[in-house]
Amino acid sequence: MFSNYLISLLEKLQFVKAIIVRFFVLLFRKRKKIELLYFYYDTKHLFDNSFVIVDYKFNNAIYYRFGNYRTLEKQIKIFNLKNIDREIEFVVYGFFQRKNYKLKFKPELTLNADSLKTKLYNLSIKLEEQIIPKLINKKIYCEVAKPLIKFSTIKMVNQSTSIQINSYNQNEFI
C-alpha cells in the first residue's frame, strides 16, 4: 500500500518536472503563442464500443488535459466509447495561455441484441444429488526411517623409510 502511494507520488513529481522543463524552454523562445499544427480524430464511429485515436500536435504546448486526465503525450487512445462522455473538453496549456476544444463522439449505429437472445420453453430439468467419495484422507502421514550412517575405517600403516647416501667427491661427479 505504501509502495503504491510512493509510486504515484513519483509519477506526479516526474510529470511536474517535465512541465517545469517545458516552461523554461518556452521562456526563452521569441514566439510563445500556442499554434495548432494538426488535430485529427475520427468522427464516424460505428458502435458504442468503438476504438478511437485522437491525434494532435501543437507548437509551444506545455501539457494537455483530456477531460480529467492530464498528459504530455501527442496521442490519446480511447478503447471503448461507453467509458467516456459523448462530449469531452480538450484543453491545451501553453505559456500563460490555453486553448479549449470540444470533442464530440456520437456512434452512428447501435446493435439491437434483443432478437439474439435465446428463449427456452417447456424445459424440465431433474437434478440428482450424488455424493462424491473422498479419495484422499485429510491427514497425510509421512515417516522416514532413521538414516543409517556407515563409517569406513581408514588404516594408516607406518613404514620406515631409509635414505642411502653415497659419498662421492667432485671429480667423480664430473
N, C-alpha and C. Protein backbone atom coordinates (compact mmCIF):
# COMPACT_ATOMS: atom_id res chain seq x y z
N MET A 1 0.82 -1.18 0.00
CA MET A 1 0.00 0.00 0.00
C MET A 1 0.88 1.26 0.00
N PHE A 2 1.88 1.26 0.85
CA PHE A 2 2.78 2.40 0.91
C PHE A 2 3.57 2.52 -0.39
N SER A 3 3.95 1.38 -0.96
CA SER A 3 4.72 1.42 -2.21
C SER A 3 3.87 1.97 -3.36
N ASN A 4 2.56 1.66 -3.39
CA ASN A 4 1.69 2.22 -4.44
C ASN A 4 1.58 3.74 -4.29
N TYR A 5 1.47 4.20 -3.04
CA TYR A 5 1.41 5.64 -2.80
C TYR A 5 2.71 6.31 -3.22
N LEU A 6 3.83 5.66 -2.92
CA LEU A 6 5.13 6.21 -3.28
C LEU A 6 5.31 6.25 -4.80
N ILE A 7 4.87 5.23 -5.49
CA ILE A 7 4.98 5.18 -6.95
C ILE A 7 4.13 6.27 -7.59
N SER A 8 2.89 6.45 -7.10
CA SER A 8 2.04 7.50 -7.68
C SER A 8 2.62 8.89 -7.39
N LEU A 9 3.23 9.07 -6.22
CA LEU A 9 3.86 10.35 -5.90
C LEU A 9 5.05 10.62 -6.82
N LEU A 10 5.84 9.58 -7.10
CA LEU A 10 6.98 9.74 -8.01
C LEU A 10 6.52 10.06 -9.44
N GLU A 11 5.42 9.45 -9.87
CA GLU A 11 4.89 9.74 -11.21
C GLU A 11 4.41 11.18 -11.30
N LYS A 12 3.76 11.68 -10.24
CA LYS A 12 3.31 13.07 -10.24
C LYS A 12 4.49 14.02 -10.24
N LEU A 13 5.53 13.69 -9.48
CA LEU A 13 6.72 14.54 -9.46
C LEU A 13 7.41 14.56 -10.82
N GLN A 14 7.43 13.42 -11.50
CA GLN A 14 8.03 13.35 -12.83
C GLN A 14 7.22 14.19 -13.82
N PHE A 15 5.89 14.17 -13.70
CA PHE A 15 5.03 14.98 -14.56
C PHE A 15 5.29 16.47 -14.32
N VAL A 16 5.37 16.87 -13.05
CA VAL A 16 5.61 18.28 -12.71
C VAL A 16 6.99 18.70 -13.20
N LYS A 17 7.97 17.81 -13.09
CA LYS A 17 9.32 18.12 -13.57
C LYS A 17 9.32 18.37 -15.08
N ALA A 18 8.58 17.56 -15.83
CA ALA A 18 8.50 17.74 -17.29
C ALA A 18 7.81 19.06 -17.63
N ILE A 19 6.79 19.42 -16.87
CA ILE A 19 6.09 20.69 -17.11
C ILE A 19 7.03 21.87 -16.86
N ILE A 20 7.80 21.80 -15.77
CA ILE A 20 8.74 22.87 -15.45
C ILE A 20 9.81 23.02 -16.52
N VAL A 21 10.32 21.90 -17.02
CA VAL A 21 11.33 21.95 -18.08
C VAL A 21 10.76 22.57 -19.34
N ARG A 22 9.55 22.17 -19.72
CA ARG A 22 8.93 22.75 -20.92
C ARG A 22 8.64 24.25 -20.73
N PHE A 23 8.27 24.64 -19.52
CA PHE A 23 8.01 26.05 -19.23
C PHE A 23 9.26 26.89 -19.44
N PHE A 24 10.40 26.40 -18.92
CA PHE A 24 11.64 27.15 -19.07
C PHE A 24 12.15 27.14 -20.52
N VAL A 25 11.85 26.11 -21.27
CA VAL A 25 12.21 26.11 -22.70
C VAL A 25 11.40 27.19 -23.42
N LEU A 26 10.12 27.30 -23.10
CA LEU A 26 9.28 28.32 -23.73
C LEU A 26 9.62 29.72 -23.25
N LEU A 27 10.16 29.85 -22.06
CA LEU A 27 10.51 31.16 -21.51
C LEU A 27 11.51 31.90 -22.38
N PHE A 28 12.42 31.17 -23.00
CA PHE A 28 13.47 31.79 -23.80
C PHE A 28 13.16 31.80 -25.30
N ARG A 29 11.96 31.41 -25.70
CA ARG A 29 11.57 31.48 -27.10
C ARG A 29 11.01 32.86 -27.44
N LYS A 30 11.16 33.22 -28.68
CA LYS A 30 10.66 34.53 -29.12
C LYS A 30 9.14 34.48 -29.28
N ARG A 31 8.63 33.42 -29.93
CA ARG A 31 7.19 33.27 -30.14
C ARG A 31 6.66 32.25 -29.14
N LYS A 32 5.76 32.69 -28.28
CA LYS A 32 5.24 31.83 -27.21
C LYS A 32 3.79 31.42 -27.43
N LYS A 33 3.19 31.84 -28.50
CA LYS A 33 1.78 31.56 -28.76
C LYS A 33 1.57 30.09 -29.13
N ILE A 34 0.48 29.52 -28.66
CA ILE A 34 0.14 28.14 -28.99
C ILE A 34 -0.36 28.09 -30.43
N GLU A 35 0.25 27.22 -31.24
CA GLU A 35 -0.13 27.09 -32.65
C GLU A 35 -0.54 25.64 -32.93
N LEU A 36 -1.67 25.48 -33.57
CA LEU A 36 -2.16 24.17 -33.94
C LEU A 36 -1.48 23.72 -35.23
N LEU A 37 -0.77 22.60 -35.18
CA LEU A 37 -0.16 22.03 -36.39
C LEU A 37 -1.13 21.06 -37.05
N TYR A 38 -1.66 20.12 -36.29
CA TYR A 38 -2.74 19.27 -36.79
C TYR A 38 -3.51 18.69 -35.62
N PHE A 39 -4.77 18.38 -35.91
CA PHE A 39 -5.67 17.83 -34.90
C PHE A 39 -6.64 16.92 -35.63
N TYR A 40 -6.58 15.64 -35.33
CA TYR A 40 -7.41 14.69 -36.08
C TYR A 40 -7.98 13.64 -35.14
N TYR A 41 -9.25 13.39 -35.29
CA TYR A 41 -9.89 12.23 -34.67
C TYR A 41 -11.07 11.84 -35.54
N ASP A 42 -11.32 10.57 -35.59
CA ASP A 42 -12.37 10.05 -36.46
C ASP A 42 -13.73 10.36 -35.85
N THR A 43 -14.59 11.02 -36.62
CA THR A 43 -15.92 11.39 -36.11
C THR A 43 -16.99 10.38 -36.49
N LYS A 44 -16.67 9.43 -37.33
CA LYS A 44 -17.64 8.42 -37.72
C LYS A 44 -17.33 7.12 -36.98
N HIS A 45 -18.10 6.88 -35.94
CA HIS A 45 -17.92 5.68 -35.13
C HIS A 45 -19.10 4.76 -35.38
N LEU A 46 -18.82 3.51 -35.55
CA LEU A 46 -19.90 2.59 -35.86
C LEU A 46 -20.73 2.22 -34.64
N PHE A 47 -20.10 1.85 -33.55
CA PHE A 47 -20.83 1.34 -32.39
C PHE A 47 -20.33 2.01 -31.11
N ASP A 48 -21.00 1.71 -30.01
CA ASP A 48 -20.63 2.27 -28.72
C ASP A 48 -19.27 1.80 -28.24
N ASN A 49 -18.87 0.62 -28.63
CA ASN A 49 -17.58 0.09 -28.16
C ASN A 49 -16.48 0.27 -29.21
N SER A 50 -16.56 1.36 -29.96
CA SER A 50 -15.56 1.63 -31.00
C SER A 50 -14.24 2.07 -30.39
N PHE A 51 -13.21 1.90 -31.18
CA PHE A 51 -11.84 2.29 -30.82
C PHE A 51 -11.54 3.61 -31.53
N VAL A 52 -11.09 4.62 -30.76
CA VAL A 52 -10.85 5.94 -31.33
C VAL A 52 -9.45 6.40 -30.93
N ILE A 53 -8.74 7.00 -31.90
CA ILE A 53 -7.43 7.61 -31.64
C ILE A 53 -7.54 9.10 -31.92
N VAL A 54 -7.21 9.91 -30.92
CA VAL A 54 -7.18 11.36 -31.08
C VAL A 54 -5.72 11.74 -31.27
N ASP A 55 -5.40 12.24 -32.45
CA ASP A 55 -4.02 12.55 -32.81
C ASP A 55 -3.88 14.06 -32.96
N TYR A 56 -2.90 14.66 -32.29
CA TYR A 56 -2.77 16.11 -32.31
C TYR A 56 -1.31 16.51 -32.15
N LYS A 57 -1.03 17.75 -32.59
CA LYS A 57 0.30 18.32 -32.40
C LYS A 57 0.17 19.83 -32.36
N PHE A 58 0.78 20.42 -31.35
CA PHE A 58 0.75 21.87 -31.15
C PHE A 58 2.17 22.37 -30.94
N ASN A 59 2.45 23.57 -31.44
CA ASN A 59 3.70 24.26 -31.12
C ASN A 59 3.51 25.01 -29.81
N ASN A 60 4.53 25.03 -28.98
CA ASN A 60 4.56 25.78 -27.73
C ASN A 60 3.54 25.28 -26.71
N ALA A 61 3.19 24.01 -26.74
CA ALA A 61 2.28 23.44 -25.74
C ALA A 61 3.12 22.84 -24.60
N ILE A 62 2.67 23.09 -23.37
CA ILE A 62 3.38 22.54 -22.22
C ILE A 62 2.79 21.18 -21.84
N TYR A 63 1.45 21.13 -21.68
CA TYR A 63 0.79 19.86 -21.43
C TYR A 63 -0.66 19.95 -21.88
N TYR A 64 -1.35 18.81 -21.88
CA TYR A 64 -2.71 18.71 -22.38
C TYR A 64 -3.60 18.13 -21.29
N ARG A 65 -4.87 18.52 -21.33
CA ARG A 65 -5.87 17.93 -20.42
C ARG A 65 -7.02 17.42 -21.26
N PHE A 66 -7.31 16.15 -21.12
CA PHE A 66 -8.38 15.48 -21.86
C PHE A 66 -9.41 15.02 -20.84
N GLY A 67 -10.48 15.81 -20.65
CA GLY A 67 -11.43 15.52 -19.58
C GLY A 67 -10.74 15.81 -18.24
N ASN A 68 -10.59 14.82 -17.39
CA ASN A 68 -9.88 14.98 -16.12
C ASN A 68 -8.47 14.40 -16.18
N TYR A 69 -8.04 13.97 -17.33
CA TYR A 69 -6.77 13.29 -17.50
C TYR A 69 -5.74 14.26 -18.07
N ARG A 70 -4.63 14.48 -17.36
CA ARG A 70 -3.55 15.34 -17.84
C ARG A 70 -2.46 14.46 -18.47
N THR A 71 -1.91 14.94 -19.57
CA THR A 71 -0.92 14.14 -20.27
C THR A 71 0.10 15.03 -20.98
N LEU A 72 1.23 14.42 -21.32
CA LEU A 72 2.26 15.07 -22.11
C LEU A 72 2.35 14.46 -23.51
N GLU A 73 1.60 13.41 -23.75
CA GLU A 73 1.69 12.66 -24.99
C GLU A 73 0.99 13.38 -26.14
N LYS A 74 1.35 12.99 -27.35
CA LYS A 74 0.80 13.62 -28.55
C LYS A 74 -0.36 12.82 -29.14
N GLN A 75 -0.85 11.84 -28.39
CA GLN A 75 -1.90 10.97 -28.91
C GLN A 75 -2.68 10.38 -27.74
N ILE A 76 -3.99 10.30 -27.90
CA ILE A 76 -4.84 9.68 -26.88
C ILE A 76 -5.60 8.56 -27.55
N LYS A 77 -5.63 7.40 -26.89
CA LYS A 77 -6.35 6.25 -27.40
C LYS A 77 -7.54 5.96 -26.50
N ILE A 78 -8.70 5.86 -27.09
CA ILE A 78 -9.93 5.54 -26.36
C ILE A 78 -10.36 4.16 -26.85
N PHE A 79 -10.37 3.21 -25.96
CA PHE A 79 -10.65 1.84 -26.37
C PHE A 79 -12.13 1.51 -26.40
N ASN A 80 -12.95 2.22 -25.67
CA ASN A 80 -14.37 1.92 -25.64
C ASN A 80 -15.12 3.22 -25.41
N LEU A 81 -15.98 3.60 -26.33
CA LEU A 81 -16.71 4.86 -26.21
C LEU A 81 -17.74 4.84 -25.09
N LYS A 82 -18.09 3.67 -24.59
CA LYS A 82 -19.02 3.60 -23.46
C LYS A 82 -18.40 4.17 -22.19
N ASN A 83 -17.07 4.16 -22.11
CA ASN A 83 -16.39 4.59 -20.90
C ASN A 83 -16.24 6.10 -20.77
N ILE A 84 -16.57 6.86 -21.80
CA ILE A 84 -16.39 8.31 -21.76
C ILE A 84 -17.70 9.01 -22.07
N ASP A 85 -17.74 10.31 -21.81
CA ASP A 85 -18.90 11.12 -22.15
C ASP A 85 -18.95 11.34 -23.66
N ARG A 86 -20.12 11.74 -24.15
CA ARG A 86 -20.29 11.97 -25.59
C ARG A 86 -19.56 13.24 -26.03
N GLU A 87 -19.39 14.20 -25.12
CA GLU A 87 -18.68 15.43 -25.44
C GLU A 87 -17.63 15.67 -24.37
N ILE A 88 -16.38 15.79 -24.79
CA ILE A 88 -15.27 15.94 -23.85
C ILE A 88 -14.51 17.21 -24.18
N GLU A 89 -14.09 17.88 -23.14
CA GLU A 89 -13.30 19.10 -23.33
C GLU A 89 -11.82 18.74 -23.41
N PHE A 90 -11.16 19.24 -24.43
CA PHE A 90 -9.73 19.04 -24.63
C PHE A 90 -9.06 20.40 -24.50
N VAL A 91 -8.13 20.54 -23.54
CA VAL A 91 -7.50 21.83 -23.25
C VAL A 91 -6.00 21.69 -23.47
N VAL A 92 -5.44 22.68 -24.19
CA VAL A 92 -4.00 22.74 -24.43
C VAL A 92 -3.45 23.89 -23.60
N TYR A 93 -2.47 23.61 -22.74
CA TYR A 93 -1.88 24.63 -21.90
C TYR A 93 -0.52 25.02 -22.45
N GLY A 94 -0.30 26.34 -22.52
CA GLY A 94 0.96 26.87 -23.02
C GLY A 94 1.55 27.84 -22.00
N PHE A 95 2.30 28.80 -22.51
CA PHE A 95 2.97 29.79 -21.67
C PHE A 95 1.95 30.86 -21.26
N PHE A 96 1.35 30.72 -20.09
CA PHE A 96 0.31 31.60 -19.55
C PHE A 96 -0.87 31.77 -20.50
N GLN A 97 -1.23 30.72 -21.18
CA GLN A 97 -2.38 30.73 -22.07
C GLN A 97 -2.89 29.31 -22.22
N ARG A 98 -4.11 29.21 -22.74
CA ARG A 98 -4.68 27.89 -23.01
C ARG A 98 -5.70 28.00 -24.13
N LYS A 99 -5.89 26.87 -24.80
CA LYS A 99 -6.89 26.79 -25.88
C LYS A 99 -7.80 25.62 -25.57
N ASN A 100 -9.10 25.84 -25.75
CA ASN A 100 -10.11 24.82 -25.46
C ASN A 100 -10.69 24.27 -26.76
N TYR A 101 -10.92 22.98 -26.79
CA TYR A 101 -11.55 22.31 -27.92
C TYR A 101 -12.60 21.36 -27.36
N LYS A 102 -13.70 21.22 -28.07
CA LYS A 102 -14.75 20.28 -27.69
C LYS A 102 -14.72 19.11 -28.67
N LEU A 103 -14.60 17.91 -28.14
CA LEU A 103 -14.61 16.71 -28.96
C LEU A 103 -15.95 16.02 -28.77
N LYS A 104 -16.60 15.69 -29.88
CA LYS A 104 -17.91 15.04 -29.81
C LYS A 104 -17.78 13.63 -30.39
N PHE A 105 -18.28 12.69 -29.63
CA PHE A 105 -18.27 11.29 -30.05
C PHE A 105 -19.72 10.82 -30.08
N LYS A 106 -20.21 10.53 -31.29
CA LYS A 106 -21.58 10.08 -31.43
C LYS A 106 -21.59 8.84 -32.32
N PRO A 107 -21.93 7.70 -31.76
CA PRO A 107 -21.99 6.48 -32.58
C PRO A 107 -23.14 6.55 -33.58
N GLU A 108 -22.90 6.08 -34.77
CA GLU A 108 -23.91 6.13 -35.82
C GLU A 108 -24.87 4.96 -35.75
N LEU A 109 -24.38 3.81 -35.40
CA LEU A 109 -25.21 2.61 -35.38
C LEU A 109 -25.26 2.03 -33.97
N THR A 110 -26.33 1.32 -33.71
CA THR A 110 -26.44 0.57 -32.45
C THR A 110 -26.82 -0.86 -32.80
N LEU A 111 -26.46 -1.74 -31.94
CA LEU A 111 -26.77 -3.15 -32.15
C LEU A 111 -27.93 -3.53 -31.24
N ASN A 112 -29.03 -3.94 -31.83
CA ASN A 112 -30.19 -4.38 -31.07
C ASN A 112 -30.03 -5.86 -30.82
N ALA A 113 -29.66 -6.22 -29.62
CA ALA A 113 -29.36 -7.61 -29.31
C ALA A 113 -30.56 -8.35 -28.74
N ASP A 114 -31.74 -7.73 -28.71
CA ASP A 114 -32.91 -8.41 -28.16
C ASP A 114 -33.29 -9.63 -28.99
N SER A 115 -33.15 -9.55 -30.29
CA SER A 115 -33.53 -10.68 -31.14
C SER A 115 -32.50 -11.81 -31.09
N LEU A 116 -31.33 -11.54 -30.52
CA LEU A 116 -30.30 -12.56 -30.46
C LEU A 116 -30.38 -13.40 -29.18
N LYS A 117 -31.30 -13.06 -28.29
CA LYS A 117 -31.43 -13.80 -27.04
C LYS A 117 -32.14 -15.12 -27.29
N THR A 118 -31.72 -16.13 -26.57
CA THR A 118 -32.30 -17.46 -26.71
C THR A 118 -33.39 -17.64 -25.66
N LYS A 119 -34.54 -18.15 -26.10
CA LYS A 119 -35.65 -18.41 -25.18
C LYS A 119 -35.93 -19.91 -25.22
N LEU A 120 -36.06 -20.50 -24.05
CA LEU A 120 -36.33 -21.92 -23.93
C LEU A 120 -37.71 -22.11 -23.29
N TYR A 121 -38.55 -22.94 -23.92
CA TYR A 121 -39.89 -23.21 -23.42
C TYR A 121 -40.00 -24.69 -23.06
N ASN A 122 -40.84 -25.00 -22.08
CA ASN A 122 -41.13 -26.37 -21.65
C ASN A 122 -39.85 -27.16 -21.38
N LEU A 123 -38.98 -26.57 -20.67
CA LEU A 123 -37.72 -27.22 -20.34
C LEU A 123 -37.82 -27.75 -18.91
N SER A 124 -37.68 -29.05 -18.78
CA SER A 124 -37.73 -29.63 -17.43
C SER A 124 -36.37 -30.27 -17.14
N ILE A 125 -35.84 -29.88 -16.03
CA ILE A 125 -34.54 -30.39 -15.64
C ILE A 125 -34.69 -31.08 -14.30
N LYS A 126 -34.21 -32.30 -14.22
CA LYS A 126 -34.23 -33.04 -12.96
C LYS A 126 -32.80 -33.16 -12.47
N LEU A 127 -32.59 -32.69 -11.30
CA LEU A 127 -31.25 -32.74 -10.72
C LEU A 127 -31.19 -33.84 -9.69
N GLU A 128 -30.18 -34.63 -9.73
CA GLU A 128 -29.96 -35.69 -8.75
C GLU A 128 -28.68 -35.38 -7.99
N GLU A 129 -28.75 -35.55 -6.71
CA GLU A 129 -27.59 -35.29 -5.87
C GLU A 129 -26.79 -36.58 -5.73
N GLN A 130 -25.56 -36.51 -6.03
CA GLN A 130 -24.68 -37.67 -5.88
C GLN A 130 -23.54 -37.28 -4.96
N ILE A 131 -23.24 -38.19 -4.09
CA ILE A 131 -22.16 -37.93 -3.14
C ILE A 131 -20.84 -38.30 -3.79
N ILE A 132 -19.91 -37.42 -3.68
CA ILE A 132 -18.58 -37.67 -4.24
C ILE A 132 -17.73 -38.32 -3.16
N PRO A 133 -17.21 -39.50 -3.43
CA PRO A 133 -16.41 -40.17 -2.39
C PRO A 133 -15.09 -39.44 -2.15
N LYS A 134 -14.65 -39.51 -0.91
CA LYS A 134 -13.38 -38.90 -0.58
C LYS A 134 -12.26 -39.79 -1.07
N LEU A 135 -11.41 -39.23 -1.83
CA LEU A 135 -10.32 -40.01 -2.40
C LEU A 135 -9.07 -39.97 -1.54
N ILE A 136 -8.88 -38.90 -0.84
CA ILE A 136 -7.66 -38.74 -0.06
C ILE A 136 -8.05 -38.33 1.35
N ASN A 137 -7.42 -38.93 2.32
CA ASN A 137 -7.66 -38.53 3.70
C ASN A 137 -7.17 -37.11 3.91
N LYS A 138 -7.75 -36.45 4.88
CA LYS A 138 -7.35 -35.09 5.13
C LYS A 138 -5.95 -35.01 5.72
N LYS A 139 -5.58 -36.01 6.48
CA LYS A 139 -4.26 -36.00 7.10
C LYS A 139 -3.35 -36.97 6.36
N ILE A 140 -2.19 -36.51 6.08
CA ILE A 140 -1.21 -37.34 5.39
C ILE A 140 -0.04 -37.53 6.34
N TYR A 141 0.29 -38.80 6.57
CA TYR A 141 1.41 -39.10 7.45
C TYR A 141 2.58 -39.56 6.60
N CYS A 142 3.72 -39.07 6.93
CA CYS A 142 4.91 -39.44 6.21
C CYS A 142 5.98 -39.77 7.24
N GLU A 143 6.50 -40.99 7.17
CA GLU A 143 7.53 -41.40 8.12
C GLU A 143 8.80 -41.71 7.35
N VAL A 144 9.88 -41.24 7.90
CA VAL A 144 11.18 -41.51 7.32
C VAL A 144 11.98 -42.26 8.38
N ALA A 145 12.48 -43.42 7.99
CA ALA A 145 13.27 -44.20 8.94
C ALA A 145 14.55 -43.44 9.27
N LYS A 146 15.04 -43.70 10.46
CA LYS A 146 16.26 -43.02 10.88
C LYS A 146 17.38 -43.47 9.94
N PRO A 147 18.09 -42.51 9.36
CA PRO A 147 19.12 -42.89 8.40
C PRO A 147 20.27 -43.62 9.09
N LEU A 148 20.77 -44.59 8.39
CA LEU A 148 21.88 -45.39 8.89
C LEU A 148 23.15 -44.87 8.24
N ILE A 149 24.07 -44.46 9.05
CA ILE A 149 25.32 -43.90 8.54
C ILE A 149 26.42 -44.89 8.84
N LYS A 150 27.14 -45.30 7.82
CA LYS A 150 28.26 -46.24 7.98
C LYS A 150 29.55 -45.48 7.75
N PHE A 151 30.44 -45.63 8.67
CA PHE A 151 31.75 -45.01 8.53
C PHE A 151 32.73 -46.07 8.08
N SER A 152 33.49 -45.78 7.08
CA SER A 152 34.52 -46.73 6.65
C SER A 152 35.76 -46.48 7.50
N THR A 153 36.43 -47.55 7.77
CA THR A 153 37.63 -47.43 8.61
C THR A 153 38.84 -47.16 7.73
N ILE A 154 39.64 -46.29 8.19
CA ILE A 154 40.86 -45.93 7.47
C ILE A 154 42.03 -46.35 8.35
N LYS A 155 42.90 -47.13 7.76
CA LYS A 155 44.08 -47.59 8.50
C LYS A 155 45.31 -46.95 7.90
N MET A 156 46.14 -46.50 8.78
CA MET A 156 47.41 -45.92 8.34
C MET A 156 48.53 -46.84 8.81
N VAL A 157 49.34 -47.22 7.88
CA VAL A 157 50.46 -48.11 8.19
C VAL A 157 51.73 -47.28 8.11
N ASN A 158 52.47 -47.29 9.15
CA ASN A 158 53.75 -46.58 9.17
C ASN A 158 54.84 -47.49 8.63
N GLN A 159 55.46 -47.07 7.60
CA GLN A 159 56.58 -47.82 7.06
C GLN A 159 57.83 -46.97 7.26
N SER A 160 58.86 -47.66 7.60
CA SER A 160 60.10 -46.93 7.81
C SER A 160 60.74 -46.63 6.47
N THR A 161 61.28 -45.48 6.39
CA THR A 161 61.91 -45.04 5.15
C THR A 161 63.38 -44.85 5.45
N SER A 162 64.16 -45.42 4.58
CA SER A 162 65.60 -45.26 4.77
C SER A 162 66.19 -44.58 3.55
N ILE A 163 67.05 -43.64 3.80
CA ILE A 163 67.71 -42.91 2.72
C ILE A 163 69.17 -43.29 2.74
N GLN A 164 69.63 -43.74 1.60
CA GLN A 164 71.03 -44.13 1.49
C GLN A 164 71.77 -43.06 0.71
N ILE A 165 72.80 -42.58 1.30
CA ILE A 165 73.60 -41.53 0.68
C ILE A 165 74.95 -42.12 0.33
N ASN A 166 75.33 -41.98 -0.91
CA ASN A 166 76.67 -42.41 -1.33
C ASN A 166 77.59 -41.21 -1.21
N SER A 167 78.68 -41.45 -0.65
CA SER A 167 79.64 -40.36 -0.55
C SER A 167 80.52 -40.38 -1.79
N TYR A 168 80.63 -39.32 -2.42
CA TYR A 168 81.48 -39.20 -3.59
C TYR A 168 82.09 -37.82 -3.57
N ASN A 169 83.08 -37.68 -4.38
CA ASN A 169 83.73 -36.38 -4.43
C ASN A 169 83.37 -35.68 -5.74
N GLN A 170 83.91 -34.54 -5.93
CA GLN A 170 83.53 -33.72 -7.07
C GLN A 170 84.09 -34.28 -8.37
N ASN A 171 85.16 -34.89 -8.33
CA ASN A 171 85.75 -35.46 -9.54
C ASN A 171 84.93 -36.63 -10.04
N GLU A 172 84.37 -37.38 -9.16
CA GLU A 172 83.56 -38.50 -9.60
C GLU A 172 82.26 -38.02 -10.24
N PHE A 173 81.79 -36.93 -9.81
CA PHE A 173 80.53 -36.39 -10.35
C PHE A 173 80.70 -35.93 -11.80
N ILE A 174 81.84 -35.42 -12.16
CA ILE A 174 82.06 -34.91 -13.49
C ILE A 174 82.38 -36.08 -14.38
